[in-house]
Amino acid sequence: MINLTQQEKQVILFMASVFLLGTGINYASKKNPVIKTLACFNQNIGKININTADKDALMSVSGIGDKLARRIIEYRRQNKKFSSLEELKSIKGFNSYRFDKVKDSVYVDKNLELP
């Protein structure tokens, strides 16, 4: 038998516990749609929802100034909401370069019901 110190036994027990916990979470996320939704939600933390953001929030995104923020809000008013980030490219002043600059800082909440 291997002689282990008390501290070594604790480390092995801790590692086994973390492994089992990770396996359980992985299994649960595959079986439970609520956990998948939470994972999706976490990906958007720190990003601006272009369907609800006001002018100041939009302007906090690098690459979006006053004029572009107003155009985004106007587009949103006319079309009810954005259904994808790609729609930003249809706004005057939103070329591919600008889109690539802001796409990681904004998101579209497709489940959002706007008035």
PDB file of N, CA and C in Angstrom:
ATOM      1  N   MET A   1       0.836  -1.175   0.000  1.00  0.00           N
ATOM      2  CA  MET A   1       0.000   0.000   0.000  1.00  0.00           C
ATOM      3  C   MET A   1       0.884   1.242   0.000  1.00  0.00           C
ATOM      4  N   ILE A   2       0.370   2.297  -0.625  1.00  0.00           N
ATOM      5  CA  ILE A   2       1.120   3.548  -0.709  1.00  0.00           C
ATOM      6  C   ILE A   2       0.889   4.333   0.570  1.00  0.00           C
ATOM      7  N   ASN A   3       1.978   4.784   1.144  1.00  0.00           N
ATOM      8  CA  ASN A   3       1.876   5.596   2.351  1.00  0.00           C
ATOM      9  C   ASN A   3       1.796   7.065   1.952  1.00  0.00           C
ATOM     10  N   LEU A   4       0.660   7.680   2.236  1.00  0.00           N
ATOM     11  CA  LEU A   4       0.453   9.087   1.926  1.00  0.00           C
ATOM     12  C   LEU A   4       0.296   9.885   3.211  1.00  0.00           C
ATOM     13  N   THR A   5       0.788  11.104   3.159  1.00  0.00           N
ATOM     14  CA  THR A   5       0.603  11.981   4.314  1.00  0.00           C
ATOM     15  C   THR A   5      -0.847  12.455   4.342  1.00  0.00           C
ATOM     16  N   GLN A   6      -1.253  13.027   5.459  1.00  0.00           N
ATOM     17  CA  GLN A   6      -2.607  13.549   5.592  1.00  0.00           C
ATOM     18  C   GLN A   6      -2.875  14.632   4.552  1.00  0.00           C
ATOM     19  N   GLN A   7      -1.911  15.479   4.304  1.00  0.00           N
ATOM     20  CA  GLN A   7      -2.068  16.566   3.331  1.00  0.00           C
ATOM     21  C   GLN A   7      -2.217  16.001   1.914  1.00  0.00           C
ATOM     22  N   GLU A   8      -1.463  14.980   1.567  1.00  0.00           N
ATOM     23  CA  GLU A   8      -1.590  14.359   0.246  1.00  0.00           C
ATOM     24  C   GLU A   8      -2.966  13.720   0.071  1.00  0.00           C
ATOM     25  N   LYS A   9      -3.474  13.089   1.115  1.00  0.00           N
ATOM     26  CA  LYS A   9      -4.806  12.489   1.055  1.00  0.00           C
ATOM     27  C   LYS A   9      -5.872  13.572   0.823  1.00  0.00           C
ATOM     28  N   GLN A  10      -5.713  14.723   1.493  1.00  0.00           N
ATOM     29  CA  GLN A  10      -6.663  15.823   1.335  1.00  0.00           C
ATOM     30  C   GLN A  10      -6.639  16.381  -0.091  1.00  0.00           C
ATOM     31  N   VAL A  11      -5.441  16.472  -0.667  1.00  0.00           N
ATOM     32  CA  VAL A  11      -5.320  16.973  -2.036  1.00  0.00           C
ATOM     33  C   VAL A  11      -5.994  16.008  -3.009  1.00  0.00           C
ATOM     34  N   ILE A  12      -5.780  14.723  -2.840  1.00  0.00           N
ATOM     35  CA  ILE A  12      -6.399  13.726  -3.716  1.00  0.00           C
ATOM     36  C   ILE A  12      -7.915  13.759  -3.558  1.00  0.00           C
ATOM     37  N   LEU A  13      -8.402  13.872  -2.344  1.00  0.00           N
ATOM     38  CA  LEU A  13      -9.843  13.953  -2.106  1.00  0.00           C
ATOM     39  C   LEU A  13     -10.430  15.207  -2.745  1.00  0.00           C
ATOM     40  N   PHE A  14      -9.727  16.325  -2.620  1.00  0.00           N
ATOM     41  CA  PHE A  14     -10.183  17.570  -3.225  1.00  0.00           C
ATOM     42  C   PHE A  14     -10.247  17.444  -4.748  1.00  0.00           C
ATOM     43  N   MET A  15      -9.227  16.894  -5.358  1.00  0.00           N
ATOM     44  CA  MET A  15      -9.192  16.739  -6.813  1.00  0.00           C
ATOM     45  C   MET A  15     -10.308  15.810  -7.293  1.00  0.00           C
ATOM     46  N   ALA A  16     -10.551  14.741  -6.563  1.00  0.00           N
ATOM     47  CA  ALA A  16     -11.628  13.821  -6.926  1.00  0.00           C
ATOM     48  C   ALA A  16     -12.989  14.519  -6.804  1.00  0.00           C
ATOM     49  N   SER A  17     -13.154  15.348  -5.780  1.00  0.00           N
ATOM     50  CA  SER A  17     -14.414  16.079  -5.591  1.00  0.00           C
ATOM     51  C   SER A  17     -14.655  17.065  -6.727  1.00  0.00           C
ATOM     52  N   VAL A  18     -13.619  17.778  -7.122  1.00  0.00           N
ATOM     53  CA  VAL A  18     -13.739  18.743  -8.222  1.00  0.00           C
ATOM     54  C   VAL A  18     -14.078  18.012  -9.519  1.00  0.00           C
ATOM     55  N   PHE A  19     -13.457  16.890  -9.762  1.00  0.00           N
ATOM     56  CA  PHE A  19     -13.743  16.098 -10.961  1.00  0.00           C
ATOM     57  C   PHE A  19     -15.202  15.650 -10.980  1.00  0.00           C
ATOM     58  N   LEU A  20     -15.678  15.116  -9.854  1.00  0.00           N
ATOM     59  CA  LEU A  20     -17.061  14.649  -9.798  1.00  0.00           C
ATOM     60  C   LEU A  20     -18.059  15.805  -9.935  1.00  0.00           C
ATOM     61  N   LEU A  21     -17.756  16.930  -9.320  1.00  0.00           N
ATOM     62  CA  LEU A  21     -18.618  18.091  -9.431  1.00  0.00           C
ATOM     63  C   LEU A  21     -18.680  18.580 -10.884  1.00  0.00           C
ATOM     64  N   GLY A  22     -17.545  18.666 -11.538  1.00  0.00           N
ATOM     65  CA  GLY A  22     -17.501  19.084 -12.942  1.00  0.00           C
ATOM     66  C   GLY A  22     -18.256  18.121 -13.837  1.00  0.00           C
ATOM     67  N   THR A  23     -18.130  16.841 -13.587  1.00  0.00           N
ATOM     68  CA  THR A  23     -18.846  15.838 -14.369  1.00  0.00           C
ATOM     69  C   THR A  23     -20.358  15.991 -14.171  1.00  0.00           C
ATOM     70  N   GLY A  24     -20.774  16.226 -12.939  1.00  0.00           N
ATOM     71  CA  GLY A  24     -22.197  16.422 -12.655  1.00  0.00           C
ATOM     72  C   GLY A  24     -22.755  17.666 -13.323  1.00  0.00           C
ATOM     73  N   ILE A  25     -22.016  18.761 -13.288  1.00  0.00           N
ATOM     74  CA  ILE A  25     -22.460  19.996 -13.924  1.00  0.00           C
ATOM     75  C   ILE A  25     -22.547  19.808 -15.434  1.00  0.00           C
ATOM     76  N   ASN A  26     -21.575  19.152 -16.015  1.00  0.00           N
ATOM     77  CA  ASN A  26     -21.579  18.889 -17.458  1.00  0.00           C
ATOM     78  C   ASN A  26     -22.802  18.054 -17.836  1.00  0.00           C
ATOM     79  N   TYR A  27     -23.086  17.027 -17.077  1.00  0.00           N
ATOM     80  CA  TYR A  27     -24.239  16.168 -17.346  1.00  0.00           C
ATOM     81  C   TYR A  27     -25.543  16.962 -17.218  1.00  0.00           C
ATOM     82  N   ALA A  28     -25.639  17.759 -16.156  1.00  0.00           N
ATOM     83  CA  ALA A  28     -26.860  18.536 -15.919  1.00  0.00           C
ATOM     84  C   ALA A  28     -27.085  19.568 -17.015  1.00  0.00           C
ATOM     85  N   SER A  29     -26.014  20.190 -17.503  1.00  0.00           N
ATOM     86  CA  SER A  29     -26.174  21.209 -18.544  1.00  0.00           C
ATOM     87  C   SER A  29     -26.635  20.598 -19.861  1.00  0.00           C
ATOM     88  N   LYS A  30     -26.314  19.341 -20.088  1.00  0.00           N
ATOM     89  CA  LYS A  30     -26.767  18.672 -21.311  1.00  0.00           C
ATOM     90  C   LYS A  30     -28.224  18.231 -21.209  1.00  0.00           C
ATOM     91  N   LYS A  31     -28.702  17.989 -20.002  1.00  0.00           N
ATOM     92  CA  LYS A  31     -30.050  17.480 -19.798  1.00  0.00           C
ATOM     93  C   LYS A  31     -31.071  18.562 -19.463  1.00  0.00           C
ATOM     94  N   ASN A  32     -30.625  19.705 -18.975  1.00  0.00           N
ATOM     95  CA  ASN A  32     -31.548  20.727 -18.477  1.00  0.00           C
ATOM     96  C   ASN A  32     -31.442  22.002 -19.323  1.00  0.00           C
ATOM     97  N   PRO A  33     -32.497  22.384 -20.035  1.00  0.00           N
ATOM     98  CA  PRO A  33     -32.436  23.576 -20.880  1.00  0.00           C
ATOM     99  C   PRO A  33     -32.262  24.882 -20.108  1.00  0.00           C
ATOM    100  N   VAL A  34     -32.663  24.917 -18.846  1.00  0.00           N
ATOM    101  CA  VAL A  34     -32.505  26.139 -18.044  1.00  0.00           C
ATOM    102  C   VAL A  34     -31.027  26.443 -17.854  1.00  0.00           C
ATOM    103  N   ILE A  35     -30.235  25.427 -17.627  1.00  0.00           N
ATOM    104  CA  ILE A  35     -28.802  25.627 -17.447  1.00  0.00           C
ATOM    105  C   ILE A  35     -28.178  26.120 -18.747  1.00  0.00           C
ATOM    106  N   LYS A  36     -28.654  25.617 -19.896  1.00  0.00           N
ATOM    107  CA  LYS A  36     -28.155  26.104 -21.184  1.00  0.00           C
ATOM    108  C   LYS A  36     -28.490  27.580 -21.351  1.00  0.00           C
ATOM    109  N   THR A  37     -29.673  27.984 -20.938  1.00  0.00           N
ATOM    110  CA  THR A  37     -30.079  29.378 -21.027  1.00  0.00           C
ATOM    111  C   THR A  37     -29.184  30.252 -20.161  1.00  0.00           C
ATOM    112  N   LEU A  38     -28.875  29.787 -18.959  1.00  0.00           N
ATOM    113  CA  LEU A  38     -27.989  30.552 -18.078  1.00  0.00           C
ATOM    114  C   LEU A  38     -26.604  30.680 -18.688  1.00  0.00           C
ATOM    115  N   ALA A  39     -26.127  29.641 -19.334  1.00  0.00           N
ATOM    116  CA  ALA A  39     -24.817  29.702 -19.982  1.00  0.00           C
ATOM    117  C   ALA A  39     -24.836  30.734 -21.098  1.00  0.00           C
ATOM    118  N   CYS A  40     -25.915  30.782 -21.846  1.00  0.00           N
ATOM    119  CA  CYS A  40     -26.063  31.767 -22.920  1.00  0.00           C
ATOM    120  C   CYS A  40     -26.119  33.174 -22.332  1.00  0.00           C
ATOM    121  N   PHE A  41     -26.843  33.346 -21.236  1.00  0.00           N
ATOM    122  CA  PHE A  41     -26.944  34.639 -20.567  1.00  0.00           C
ATOM    123  C   PHE A  41     -25.562  35.120 -20.129  1.00  0.00           C
ATOM    124  N   ASN A  42     -24.767  34.232 -19.566  1.00  0.00           N
ATOM    125  CA  ASN A  42     -23.450  34.609 -19.075  1.00  0.00           C
ATOM    126  C   ASN A  42     -22.538  35.089 -20.189  1.00  0.00           C
ATOM    127  N   GLN A  43     -22.747  34.635 -21.408  1.00  0.00           N
ATOM    128  CA  GLN A  43     -21.911  35.072 -22.513  1.00  0.00           C
ATOM    129  C   GLN A  43     -22.151  36.540 -22.836  1.00  0.00           C
ATOM    130  N   ASN A  44     -23.284  37.085 -22.442  1.00  0.00           N
ATOM    131  CA  ASN A  44     -23.635  38.463 -22.761  1.00  0.00           C
ATOM    132  C   ASN A  44     -23.350  39.441 -21.639  1.00  0.00           C
ATOM    133  N   ILE A  45     -22.818  38.967 -20.529  1.00  0.00           N
ATOM    134  CA  ILE A  45     -22.516  39.870 -19.420  1.00  0.00           C
ATOM    135  C   ILE A  45     -21.464  40.876 -19.865  1.00  0.00           C
ATOM    136  N   GLY A  46     -21.753  42.142 -19.625  1.00  0.00           N
ATOM    137  CA  GLY A  46     -20.835  43.207 -19.987  1.00  0.00           C
ATOM    138  C   GLY A  46     -21.061  43.745 -21.390  1.00  0.00           C
ATOM    139  N   LYS A  47     -21.987  43.154 -22.125  1.00  0.00           N
ATOM    140  CA  LYS A  47     -22.296  43.617 -23.470  1.00  0.00           C
ATOM    141  C   LYS A  47     -23.551  44.489 -23.443  1.00  0.00           C
ATOM    142  N   ILE A  48     -23.723  45.279 -24.485  1.00  0.00           N
ATOM    143  CA  ILE A  48     -24.862  46.179 -24.611  1.00  0.00           C
ATOM    144  C   ILE A  48     -25.903  45.529 -25.514  1.00  0.00           C
ATOM    145  N   ASN A  49     -27.151  45.477 -25.042  1.00  0.00           N
ATOM    146  CA  ASN A  49     -28.254  44.953 -25.842  1.00  0.00           C
ATOM    147  C   ASN A  49     -28.732  46.078 -26.762  1.00  0.00           C
ATOM    148  N   ILE A  50     -28.533  45.924 -28.058  1.00  0.00           N
ATOM    149  CA  ILE A  50     -28.888  47.008 -28.970  1.00  0.00           C
ATOM    150  C   ILE A  50     -30.390  47.196 -29.123  1.00  0.00           C
ATOM    151  N   ASN A  51     -31.178  46.270 -28.606  1.00  0.00           N
ATOM    152  CA  ASN A  51     -32.634  46.434 -28.660  1.00  0.00           C
ATOM    153  C   ASN A  51     -33.180  47.278 -27.507  1.00  0.00           C
ATOM    154  N   THR A  52     -32.404  47.493 -26.476  1.00  0.00           N
ATOM    155  CA  THR A  52     -32.902  48.253 -25.321  1.00  0.00           C
ATOM    156  C   THR A  52     -31.990  49.405 -24.900  1.00  0.00           C
ATOM    157  N   ALA A  53     -30.784  49.453 -25.408  1.00  0.00           N
ATOM    158  CA  ALA A  53     -29.815  50.455 -24.957  1.00  0.00           C
ATOM    159  C   ALA A  53     -30.235  51.868 -25.345  1.00  0.00           C
ATOM    160  N   ASP A  54     -30.032  52.797 -24.421  1.00  0.00           N
ATOM    161  CA  ASP A  54     -30.273  54.193 -24.755  1.00  0.00           C
ATOM    162  C   ASP A  54     -29.039  54.765 -25.444  1.00  0.00           C
ATOM    163  N   LYS A  55     -29.121  56.034 -25.829  1.00  0.00           N
ATOM    164  CA  LYS A  55     -28.044  56.661 -26.586  1.00  0.00           C
ATOM    165  C   LYS A  55     -26.720  56.627 -25.828  1.00  0.00           C
ATOM    166  N   ASP A  56     -26.746  56.937 -24.545  1.00  0.00           N
ATOM    167  CA  ASP A  56     -25.507  56.948 -23.758  1.00  0.00           C
ATOM    168  C   ASP A  56     -24.873  55.567 -23.666  1.00  0.00           C
ATOM    169  N   ALA A  57     -25.701  54.541 -23.481  1.00  0.00           N
ATOM    170  CA  ALA A  57     -25.176  53.177 -23.410  1.00  0.00           C
ATOM    171  C   ALA A  57     -24.552  52.778 -24.743  1.00  0.00           C
ATOM    172  N   LEU A  58     -25.208  53.118 -25.838  1.00  0.00           N
ATOM    173  CA  LEU A  58     -24.649  52.797 -27.150  1.00  0.00           C
ATOM    174  C   LEU A  58     -23.330  53.530 -27.375  1.00  0.00           C
ATOM    175  N   MET A  59     -23.273  54.780 -26.933  1.00  0.00           N
ATOM    176  CA  MET A  59     -22.045  55.557 -27.110  1.00  0.00           C
ATOM    177  C   MET A  59     -20.900  55.063 -26.236  1.00  0.00           C
ATOM    178  N   SER A  60     -21.206  54.254 -25.236  1.00  0.00           N
ATOM    179  CA  SER A  60     -20.136  53.699 -24.398  1.00  0.00           C
ATOM    180  C   SER A  60     -19.360  52.606 -25.123  1.00  0.00           C
ATOM    181  N   VAL A  61     -19.890  52.140 -26.246  1.00  0.00           N
ATOM    182  CA  VAL A  61     -19.217  51.122 -27.055  1.00  0.00           C
ATOM    183  C   VAL A  61     -18.207  51.818 -27.957  1.00  0.00           C
ATOM    184  N   SER A  62     -16.980  51.350 -27.924  1.00  0.00           N
ATOM    185  CA  SER A  62     -15.943  51.917 -28.772  1.00  0.00           C
ATOM    186  C   SER A  62     -16.318  51.724 -30.239  1.00  0.00           C
ATOM    187  N   GLY A  63     -16.381  52.835 -30.984  1.00  0.00           N
ATOM    188  CA  GLY A  63     -16.747  52.765 -32.393  1.00  0.00           C
ATOM    189  C   GLY A  63     -18.129  53.319 -32.672  1.00  0.00           C
ATOM    190  N   ILE A  64     -18.900  53.584 -31.612  1.00  0.00           N
ATOM    191  CA  ILE A  64     -20.242  54.161 -31.786  1.00  0.00           C
ATOM    192  C   ILE A  64     -20.252  55.547 -31.156  1.00  0.00           C
ATOM    193  N   GLY A  65     -20.456  56.541 -32.009  1.00  0.00           N
ATOM    194  CA  GLY A  65     -20.527  57.924 -31.542  1.00  0.00           C
ATOM    195  C   GLY A  65     -21.963  58.398 -31.475  1.00  0.00           C
ATOM    196  N   ASP A  66     -22.111  59.697 -31.311  1.00  0.00           N
ATOM    197  CA  ASP A  66     -23.438  60.307 -31.170  1.00  0.00           C
ATOM    198  C   ASP A  66     -24.334  60.031 -32.380  1.00  0.00           C
ATOM    199  N   LYS A  67     -23.836  60.307 -33.576  1.00  0.00           N
ATOM    200  CA  LYS A  67     -24.650  60.127 -34.790  1.00  0.00           C
ATOM    201  C   LYS A  67     -25.053  58.670 -34.984  1.00  0.00           C
ATOM    202  N   LEU A  68     -24.104  57.781 -34.822  1.00  0.00           N
ATOM    203  CA  LEU A  68     -24.400  56.363 -35.028  1.00  0.00           C
ATOM    204  C   LEU A  68     -25.373  55.843 -33.978  1.00  0.00           C
ATOM    205  N   ALA A  69     -25.238  56.300 -32.748  1.00  0.00           N
ATOM    206  CA  ALA A  69     -26.175  55.896 -31.692  1.00  0.00           C
ATOM    207  C   ALA A  69     -27.584  56.355 -32.042  1.00  0.00           C
ATOM    208  N   ARG A  70     -27.716  57.577 -32.532  1.00  0.00           N
ATOM    209  CA  ARG A  70     -29.039  58.073 -32.932  1.00  0.00           C
ATOM    210  C   ARG A  70     -29.604  57.271 -34.107  1.00  0.00           C
ATOM    211  N   ARG A  71     -28.749  56.904 -35.042  1.00  0.00           N
ATOM    212  CA  ARG A  71     -29.211  56.109 -36.189  1.00  0.00           C
ATOM    213  C   ARG A  71     -29.655  54.706 -35.761  1.00  0.00           C
ATOM    214  N   ILE A  72     -28.949  54.120 -34.809  1.00  0.00           N
ATOM    215  CA  ILE A  72     -29.333  52.795 -34.293  1.00  0.00           C
ATOM    216  C   ILE A  72     -30.706  52.878 -33.637  1.00  0.00           C
ATOM    217  N   ILE A  73     -30.916  53.894 -32.819  1.00  0.00           N
ATOM    218  CA  ILE A  73     -32.198  54.060 -32.132  1.00  0.00           C
ATOM    219  C   ILE A  73     -33.311  54.313 -33.148  1.00  0.00           C
ATOM    220  N   GLU A  74     -33.032  55.109 -34.166  1.00  0.00           N
ATOM    221  CA  GLU A  74     -34.042  55.378 -35.197  1.00  0.00           C
ATOM    222  C   GLU A  74     -34.375  54.095 -35.973  1.00  0.00           C
ATOM    223  N   TYR A  75     -33.355  53.331 -36.315  1.00  0.00           N
ATOM    224  CA  TYR A  75     -33.588  52.055 -37.006  1.00  0.00           C
ATOM    225  C   TYR A  75     -34.455  51.140 -36.146  1.00  0.00           C
ATOM    226  N   ARG A  76     -34.163  51.125 -34.867  1.00  0.00           N
ATOM    227  CA  ARG A  76     -34.927  50.296 -33.933  1.00  0.00           C
ATOM    228  C   ARG A  76     -36.380  50.746 -33.869  1.00  0.00           C
ATOM    229  N   ARG A  77     -36.616  52.041 -33.870  1.00  0.00           N
ATOM    230  CA  ARG A  77     -37.988  52.561 -33.846  1.00  0.00           C
ATOM    231  C   ARG A  77     -38.758  52.154 -35.104  1.00  0.00           C
ATOM    232  N   GLN A  78     -38.098  52.243 -36.229  1.00  0.00           N
ATOM    233  CA  GLN A  78     -38.761  51.952 -37.496  1.00  0.00           C
ATOM    234  C   GLN A  78     -39.014  50.455 -37.701  1.00  0.00           C
ATOM    235  N   ASN A  79     -38.139  49.606 -37.181  1.00  0.00           N
ATOM    236  CA  ASN A  79     -38.208  48.166 -37.445  1.00  0.00           C
ATOM    237  C   ASN A  79     -38.587  47.343 -36.217  1.00  0.00           C
ATOM    238  N   LYS A  80     -39.023  47.992 -35.153  1.00  0.00           N
ATOM    239  CA  LYS A  80     -39.433  47.359 -33.892  1.00  0.00           C
ATOM    240  C   LYS A  80     -38.251  46.849 -33.082  1.00  0.00           C
ATOM    241  N   LYS A  81     -37.400  46.038 -33.678  1.00  0.00           N
ATOM    242  CA  LYS A  81     -36.216  45.548 -32.961  1.00  0.00           C
ATOM    243  C   LYS A  81     -35.244  44.938 -33.955  1.00  0.00           C
ATOM    244  N   PHE A  82     -34.025  44.748 -33.501  1.00  0.00           N
ATOM    245  CA  PHE A  82     -33.030  44.045 -34.290  1.00  0.00           C
ATOM    246  C   PHE A  82     -33.237  42.547 -34.088  1.00  0.00           C
ATOM    247  N   SER A  83     -33.146  41.793 -35.160  1.00  0.00           N
ATOM    248  CA  SER A  83     -33.236  40.338 -35.019  1.00  0.00           C
ATOM    249  C   SER A  83     -31.861  39.689 -35.118  1.00  0.00           C
ATOM    250  N   SER A  84     -30.859  40.446 -35.588  1.00  0.00           N
ATOM    251  CA  SER A  84     -29.485  39.936 -35.634  1.00  0.00           C
ATOM    252  C   SER A  84     -28.514  41.110 -35.634  1.00  0.00           C
ATOM    253  N   LEU A  85     -27.291  40.844 -35.250  1.00  0.00           N
ATOM    254  CA  LEU A  85     -26.270  41.889 -35.274  1.00  0.00           C
ATOM    255  C   LEU A  85     -25.969  42.339 -36.696  1.00  0.00           C
ATOM    256  N   GLU A  86     -26.129  41.443 -37.652  1.00  0.00           N
ATOM    257  CA  GLU A  86     -25.849  41.756 -39.051  1.00  0.00           C
ATOM    258  C   GLU A  86     -26.674  42.943 -39.545  1.00  0.00           C
ATOM    259  N   GLU A  87     -27.833  43.187 -38.952  1.00  0.00           N
ATOM    260  CA  GLU A  87     -28.682  44.312 -39.354  1.00  0.00           C
ATOM    261  C   GLU A  87     -27.989  45.651 -39.134  1.00  0.00           C
ATOM    262  N   LEU A  88     -27.013  45.691 -38.238  1.00  0.00           N
ATOM    263  CA  LEU A  88     -26.286  46.942 -38.012  1.00  0.00           C
ATOM    264  C   LEU A  88     -25.639  47.429 -39.308  1.00  0.00           C
ATOM    265  N   LYS A  89     -25.243  46.503 -40.167  1.00  0.00           N
ATOM    266  CA  LYS A  89     -24.572  46.873 -41.418  1.00  0.00           C
ATOM    267  C   LYS A  89     -25.486  47.655 -42.356  1.00  0.00           C
ATOM    268  N   SER A  90     -26.793  47.598 -42.145  1.00  0.00           N
ATOM    269  CA  SER A  90     -27.716  48.329 -43.014  1.00  0.00           C
ATOM    270  C   SER A  90     -27.888  49.784 -42.572  1.00  0.00           C
ATOM    271  N   ILE A  91     -27.262  50.154 -41.470  1.00  0.00           N
ATOM    272  CA  ILE A  91     -27.334  51.528 -40.972  1.00  0.00           C
ATOM    273  C   ILE A  91     -26.217  52.350 -41.598  1.00  0.00           C
ATOM    274  N   LYS A  92     -26.566  53.544 -42.064  1.00  0.00           N
ATOM    275  CA  LYS A  92     -25.584  54.439 -42.682  1.00  0.00           C
ATOM    276  C   LYS A  92     -24.423  54.671 -41.716  1.00  0.00           C
ATOM    277  N   GLY A  93     -23.214  54.484 -42.200  1.00  0.00           N
ATOM    278  CA  GLY A  93     -22.020  54.676 -41.382  1.00  0.00           C
ATOM    279  C   GLY A  93     -21.511  53.398 -40.728  1.00  0.00           C
ATOM    280  N   PHE A  94     -22.239  52.326 -40.896  1.00  0.00           N
ATOM    281  CA  PHE A  94     -21.835  51.047 -40.298  1.00  0.00           C
ATOM    282  C   PHE A  94     -21.250  50.150 -41.377  1.00  0.00           C
ATOM    283  N   ASN A  95     -19.971  50.331 -41.670  1.00  0.00           N
ATOM    284  CA  ASN A  95     -19.313  49.487 -42.654  1.00  0.00           C
ATOM    285  C   ASN A  95     -18.758  48.230 -41.982  1.00  0.00           C
ATOM    286  N   SER A  96     -18.121  47.373 -42.742  1.00  0.00           N
ATOM    287  CA  SER A  96     -17.599  46.111 -42.208  1.00  0.00           C
ATOM    288  C   SER A  96     -16.547  46.341 -41.127  1.00  0.00           C
ATOM    289  N   TYR A  97     -15.710  47.363 -41.315  1.00  0.00           N
ATOM    290  CA  TYR A  97     -14.677  47.656 -40.322  1.00  0.00           C
ATOM    291  C   TYR A  97     -15.304  48.020 -38.977  1.00  0.00           C
ATOM    292  N   ARG A  98     -16.292  48.914 -39.001  1.00  0.00           N
ATOM    293  CA  ARG A  98     -16.943  49.349 -37.766  1.00  0.00           C
ATOM    294  C   ARG A  98     -17.702  48.184 -37.123  1.00  0.00           C
ATOM    295  N   PHE A  99     -18.362  47.381 -37.956  1.00  0.00           N
ATOM    296  CA  PHE A  99     -19.083  46.216 -37.444  1.00  0.00           C
ATOM    297  C   PHE A  99     -18.129  45.280 -36.704  1.00  0.00           C
ATOM    298  N   ASP A 100     -16.974  44.994 -37.315  1.00  0.00           N
ATOM    299  CA  ASP A 100     -15.990  44.115 -36.666  1.00  0.00           C
ATOM    300  C   ASP A 100     -15.487  44.713 -35.357  1.00  0.00           C
ATOM    301  N   LYS A 101     -15.453  46.035 -35.296  1.00  0.00           N
ATOM    302  CA  LYS A 101     -14.969  46.712 -34.090  1.00  0.00           C
ATOM    303  C   LYS A 101     -15.957  46.607 -32.930  1.00  0.00           C
ATOM    304  N   VAL A 102     -17.264  46.624 -33.222  1.00  0.00           N
ATOM    305  CA  VAL A 102     -18.265  46.661 -32.148  1.00  0.00           C
ATOM    306  C   VAL A 102     -18.962  45.325 -31.884  1.00  0.00           C
ATOM    307  N   LYS A 103     -18.852  44.363 -32.770  1.00  0.00           N
ATOM    308  CA  LYS A 103     -19.654  43.138 -32.665  1.00  0.00           C
ATOM    309  C   LYS A 103     -19.437  42.356 -31.369  1.00  0.00           C
ATOM    310  N   ASP A 104     -18.261  42.466 -30.769  1.00  0.00           N
ATOM    311  CA  ASP A 104     -17.999  41.739 -29.530  1.00  0.00           C
ATOM    312  C   ASP A 104     -18.456  42.499 -28.294  1.00  0.00           C
ATOM    313  N   SER A 105     -18.941  43.732 -28.479  1.00  0.00           N
ATOM    314  CA  SER A 105     -19.377  44.552 -27.349  1.00  0.00           C
ATOM    315  C   SER A 105     -20.887  44.696 -27.268  1.00  0.00           C
ATOM    316  N   VAL A 106     -21.597  44.183 -28.270  1.00  0.00           N
ATOM    317  CA  VAL A 106     -23.052  44.302 -28.307  1.00  0.00           C
ATOM    318  C   VAL A 106     -23.674  42.941 -28.571  1.00  0.00           C
ATOM    319  N   TYR A 107     -24.959  42.840 -28.274  1.00  0.00           N
ATOM    320  CA  TYR A 107     -25.701  41.618 -28.577  1.00  0.00           C
ATOM    321  C   TYR A 107     -27.150  41.955 -28.844  1.00  0.00           C
ATOM    322  N   VAL A 108     -27.867  40.991 -29.396  1.00  0.00           N
ATOM    323  CA  VAL A 108     -29.288  41.136 -29.682  1.00  0.00           C
ATOM    324  C   VAL A 108     -30.038  40.120 -28.842  1.00  0.00           C
ATOM    325  N   ASP A 109     -30.956  40.601 -28.025  1.00  0.00           N
ATOM    326  CA  ASP A 109     -31.817  39.708 -27.247  1.00  0.00           C
ATOM    327  C   ASP A 109     -33.012  39.378 -28.120  1.00  0.00           C
ATOM    328  N   LYS A 110     -33.001  38.190 -28.727  1.00  0.00           N
ATOM    329  CA  LYS A 110     -34.043  37.802 -29.676  1.00  0.00           C
ATOM    330  C   LYS A 110     -35.362  37.470 -28.987  1.00  0.00           C
ATOM    331  N   ASN A 111     -35.349  37.189 -27.701  1.00  0.00           N
ATOM    332  CA  ASN A 111     -36.562  36.833 -26.982  1.00  0.00           C
ATOM    333  C   ASN A 111     -37.286  38.037 -26.397  1.00  0.00           C
ATOM    334  N   LEU A 112     -36.708  39.189 -26.557  1.00  0.00           N
ATOM    335  CA  LEU A 112     -37.248  40.398 -25.965  1.00  0.00           C
ATOM    336  C   LEU A 112     -38.492  40.869 -26.697  1.00  0.00           C
ATOM    337  N   GLU A 113     -39.520  41.172 -25.944  1.00  0.00           N
ATOM    338  CA  GLU A 113     -40.762  41.717 -26.509  1.00  0.00           C
ATOM    339  C   GLU A 113     -40.775  43.211 -26.260  1.00  0.00           C
ATOM    340  N   LEU A 114     -40.741  43.974 -27.329  1.00  0.00           N
ATOM    341  CA  LEU A 114     -40.766  45.417 -27.204  1.00  0.00           C
ATOM    342  C   LEU A 114     -42.167  45.945 -27.498  1.00  0.00           C
ATOM    343  N   PRO A 115     -42.532  47.070 -26.890  1.00  0.00           N
ATOM    344  CA  PRO A 115     -43.864  47.649 -27.144  1.00  0.00           C
ATOM    345  C   PRO A 115     -44.004  48.155 -28.562  1.00  0.00           C
TER     346      PRO A 115
END
